[in-house]
Amino acid sequence: MGVKVLAEEIVTVGGEGGHAGIPFRAENGRKILITMLADSYTMEPYGYLSPPEGEGTYTPKNGRSVSGLNSPEATLNQGGNYVLTVFDGSNWGGGVHVRIELLE
């Protein structure tokens, strides 16, 4: 059994508060791995994970990036259409390679 990728995109995040959204679909209770790798090691990519209904969470959180990489796991508590909004904590902006995959 291979890796199931839910979304994979290279997005451009604008400086000074810019962002980019990545939609994906997943089932309730699934564990995912979000990997964000910035074009520059000085960028600090982080995200806001919006579920189909209700309040979202900062996943991956700001301040956890190391050399332009931020890669947390998360367990989804709803099934349906999600949006991961990508930001840059350094506020410089640039390209970010984002991959969202199922872990189980």
C-alpha atoms as a PDB file:
ATOM      1  CA  MET A   1       0.000   0.000   0.000  1.00  0.00           C
ATOM      2  CA  GLY A   2       1.441   3.364  -1.032  1.00  0.00           C
ATOM      3  CA  VAL A   3       1.126   6.824   0.424  1.00  0.00           C
ATOM      4  CA  LYS A   4      -2.222   8.522  -0.197  1.00  0.00           C
ATOM      5  CA  VAL A   5      -1.722  12.202  -0.988  1.00  0.00           C
ATOM      6  CA  LEU A   6      -4.800  14.355  -0.383  1.00  0.00           C
ATOM      7  CA  ALA A   7      -3.267  17.547  -1.801  1.00  0.00           C
ATOM      8  CA  GLU A   8       0.104  18.711  -3.091  1.00  0.00           C
ATOM      9  CA  GLU A   9       0.744  22.202  -4.415  1.00  0.00           C
ATOM     10  CA  ILE A  10       3.397  24.865  -4.644  1.00  0.00           C
ATOM     11  CA  VAL A  11       1.778  28.128  -3.581  1.00  0.00           C
ATOM     12  CA  THR A  12       3.020  31.694  -3.452  1.00  0.00           C
ATOM     13  CA  VAL A  13       2.362  33.472  -0.165  1.00  0.00           C
ATOM     14  CA  GLY A  14       2.432  37.248  -0.408  1.00  0.00           C
ATOM     15  CA  GLY A  15       4.493  39.247   2.069  1.00  0.00           C
ATOM     16  CA  GLU A  16       3.028  41.206   4.972  1.00  0.00           C
ATOM     17  CA  GLY A  17      -0.002  39.044   5.690  1.00  0.00           C
ATOM     18  CA  GLY A  18      -0.469  37.300   2.363  1.00  0.00           C
ATOM     19  CA  HIS A  19      -1.880  33.806   2.242  1.00  0.00           C
ATOM     20  CA  ALA A  20      -2.851  30.949  -0.073  1.00  0.00           C
ATOM     21  CA  GLY A  21      -5.590  28.327   0.335  1.00  0.00           C
ATOM     22  CA  ILE A  22      -5.358  24.625  -0.465  1.00  0.00           C
ATOM     23  CA  PRO A  23      -8.617  22.630  -0.517  1.00  0.00           C
ATOM     24  CA  PHE A  24      -8.760  18.893   0.195  1.00  0.00           C
ATOM     25  CA  ARG A  25     -11.286  16.251   1.211  1.00  0.00           C
ATOM     26  CA  ALA A  26     -10.892  13.756   4.066  1.00  0.00           C
ATOM     27  CA  GLU A  27     -12.909  11.394   6.257  1.00  0.00           C
ATOM     28  CA  ASN A  28     -13.656  11.828   9.958  1.00  0.00           C
ATOM     29  CA  GLY A  29     -11.043  10.428  12.354  1.00  0.00           C
ATOM     30  CA  ARG A  30      -8.253  10.252   9.786  1.00  0.00           C
ATOM     31  CA  LYS A  31      -4.717  11.221  10.782  1.00  0.00           C
ATOM     32  CA  ILE A  32      -2.852  13.420   8.317  1.00  0.00           C
ATOM     33  CA  LEU A  33       0.677  14.757   7.897  1.00  0.00           C
ATOM     34  CA  ILE A  34       1.056  18.323   6.643  1.00  0.00           C
ATOM     35  CA  THR A  35       4.460  19.171   5.229  1.00  0.00           C
ATOM     36  CA  MET A  36       5.325  22.773   4.329  1.00  0.00           C
ATOM     37  CA  LEU A  37       8.724  23.486   2.805  1.00  0.00           C
ATOM     38  CA  ALA A  38       9.495  27.105   1.892  1.00  0.00           C
ATOM     39  CA  ASP A  39      11.728  28.189  -0.988  1.00  0.00           C
ATOM     40  CA  SER A  40      13.793  30.174   1.521  1.00  0.00           C
ATOM     41  CA  TYR A  41      15.092  28.939   4.874  1.00  0.00           C
ATOM     42  CA  THR A  42      14.239  32.373   6.338  1.00  0.00           C
ATOM     43  CA  MET A  43      10.516  31.890   5.724  1.00  0.00           C
ATOM     44  CA  GLU A  44       8.341  30.546   8.534  1.00  0.00           C
ATOM     45  CA  PRO A  45       5.411  28.720   6.902  1.00  0.00           C
ATOM     46  CA  TYR A  46       2.397  27.931   9.064  1.00  0.00           C
ATOM     47  CA  GLY A  47      -1.270  27.260   8.422  1.00  0.00           C
ATOM     48  CA  TYR A  48      -4.876  27.517   9.493  1.00  0.00           C
ATOM     49  CA  LEU A  49      -6.880  24.315   9.009  1.00  0.00           C
ATOM     50  CA  SER A  50     -10.578  25.038   8.394  1.00  0.00           C
ATOM     51  CA  PRO A  51     -12.941  22.062   8.804  1.00  0.00           C
ATOM     52  CA  PRO A  52     -16.220  21.651   6.868  1.00  0.00           C
ATOM     53  CA  GLU A  53     -18.135  23.155   9.808  1.00  0.00           C
ATOM     54  CA  GLY A  54     -17.147  25.157  12.861  1.00  0.00           C
ATOM     55  CA  GLU A  55     -13.958  26.771  14.102  1.00  0.00           C
ATOM     56  CA  GLY A  56     -10.567  25.952  12.595  1.00  0.00           C
ATOM     57  CA  THR A  57      -7.158  25.667  14.245  1.00  0.00           C
ATOM     58  CA  TYR A  58      -3.658  26.883  13.502  1.00  0.00           C
ATOM     59  CA  THR A  59      -2.063  23.719  12.105  1.00  0.00           C
ATOM     60  CA  PRO A  60       0.887  23.846  11.701  1.00  0.00           C
ATOM     61  CA  LYS A  61       1.375  26.564  14.291  1.00  0.00           C
ATOM     62  CA  ASN A  62       3.416  29.717  13.811  1.00  0.00           C
ATOM     63  CA  GLY A  63       6.847  29.655  15.442  1.00  0.00           C
ATOM     64  CA  ARG A  64       7.428  25.920  14.885  1.00  0.00           C
ATOM     65  CA  SER A  65       9.185  26.240  11.526  1.00  0.00           C
ATOM     66  CA  VAL A  66      12.869  25.276  11.320  1.00  0.00           C
ATOM     67  CA  SER A  67      14.880  26.396   8.272  1.00  0.00           C
ATOM     68  CA  GLY A  68      11.702  26.884   6.238  1.00  0.00           C
ATOM     69  CA  LEU A  69      10.173  23.486   7.171  1.00  0.00           C
ATOM     70  CA  ASN A  70       7.035  22.947   9.260  1.00  0.00           C
ATOM     71  CA  SER A  71       5.553  19.442   9.381  1.00  0.00           C
ATOM     72  CA  PRO A  72       2.963  18.439  12.026  1.00  0.00           C
ATOM     73  CA  GLU A  73       0.494  15.584  12.269  1.00  0.00           C
ATOM     74  CA  ALA A  74      -3.207  16.217  12.911  1.00  0.00           C
ATOM     75  CA  THR A  75      -6.292  14.081  13.510  1.00  0.00           C
ATOM     76  CA  LEU A  76      -9.413  15.275  11.716  1.00  0.00           C
ATOM     77  CA  ASN A  77     -12.638  15.383  13.719  1.00  0.00           C
ATOM     78  CA  GLN A  78     -14.997  15.841  10.768  1.00  0.00           C
ATOM     79  CA  GLY A  79     -15.421  14.364   7.342  1.00  0.00           C
ATOM     80  CA  GLY A  80     -15.771  16.533   4.259  1.00  0.00           C
ATOM     81  CA  ASN A  81     -14.096  19.450   2.526  1.00  0.00           C
ATOM     82  CA  TYR A  82     -11.237  21.188   4.351  1.00  0.00           C
ATOM     83  CA  VAL A  83      -9.118  24.227   3.461  1.00  0.00           C
ATOM     84  CA  LEU A  84      -5.540  24.703   4.640  1.00  0.00           C
ATOM     85  CA  THR A  85      -4.626  28.399   4.503  1.00  0.00           C
ATOM     86  CA  VAL A  86      -0.857  28.941   4.293  1.00  0.00           C
ATOM     87  CA  PHE A  87       0.858  31.986   5.849  1.00  0.00           C
ATOM     88  CA  ASP A  88       4.452  33.148   6.361  1.00  0.00           C
ATOM     89  CA  GLY A  89       5.414  34.161   9.908  1.00  0.00           C
ATOM     90  CA  SER A  90       8.458  36.090   8.648  1.00  0.00           C
ATOM     91  CA  ASN A  91       6.105  38.302   6.572  1.00  0.00           C
ATOM     92  CA  TRP A  92       8.547  38.271   3.624  1.00  0.00           C
ATOM     93  CA  GLY A  93       6.483  35.863   1.530  1.00  0.00           C
ATOM     94  CA  GLY A  94       7.538  33.491  -1.220  1.00  0.00           C
ATOM     95  CA  GLY A  95       6.963  29.975  -2.494  1.00  0.00           C
ATOM     96  CA  VAL A  96       5.908  27.090  -0.248  1.00  0.00           C
ATOM     97  CA  HIS A  97       5.618  23.439  -1.294  1.00  0.00           C
ATOM     98  CA  VAL A  98       2.687  21.960   0.634  1.00  0.00           C
ATOM     99  CA  ARG A  99       1.850  18.249   0.844  1.00  0.00           C
ATOM    100  CA  ILE A 100      -1.056  16.763   2.813  1.00  0.00           C
ATOM    101  CA  GLU A 101      -1.076  12.977   3.148  1.00  0.00           C
ATOM    102  CA  LEU A 102      -2.944  10.282   5.082  1.00  0.00           C
ATOM    103  CA  LEU A 103      -0.987   8.500   7.796  1.00  0.00           C
ATOM    104  CA  GLU A 104      -3.426   5.673   8.509  1.00  0.00           C
END
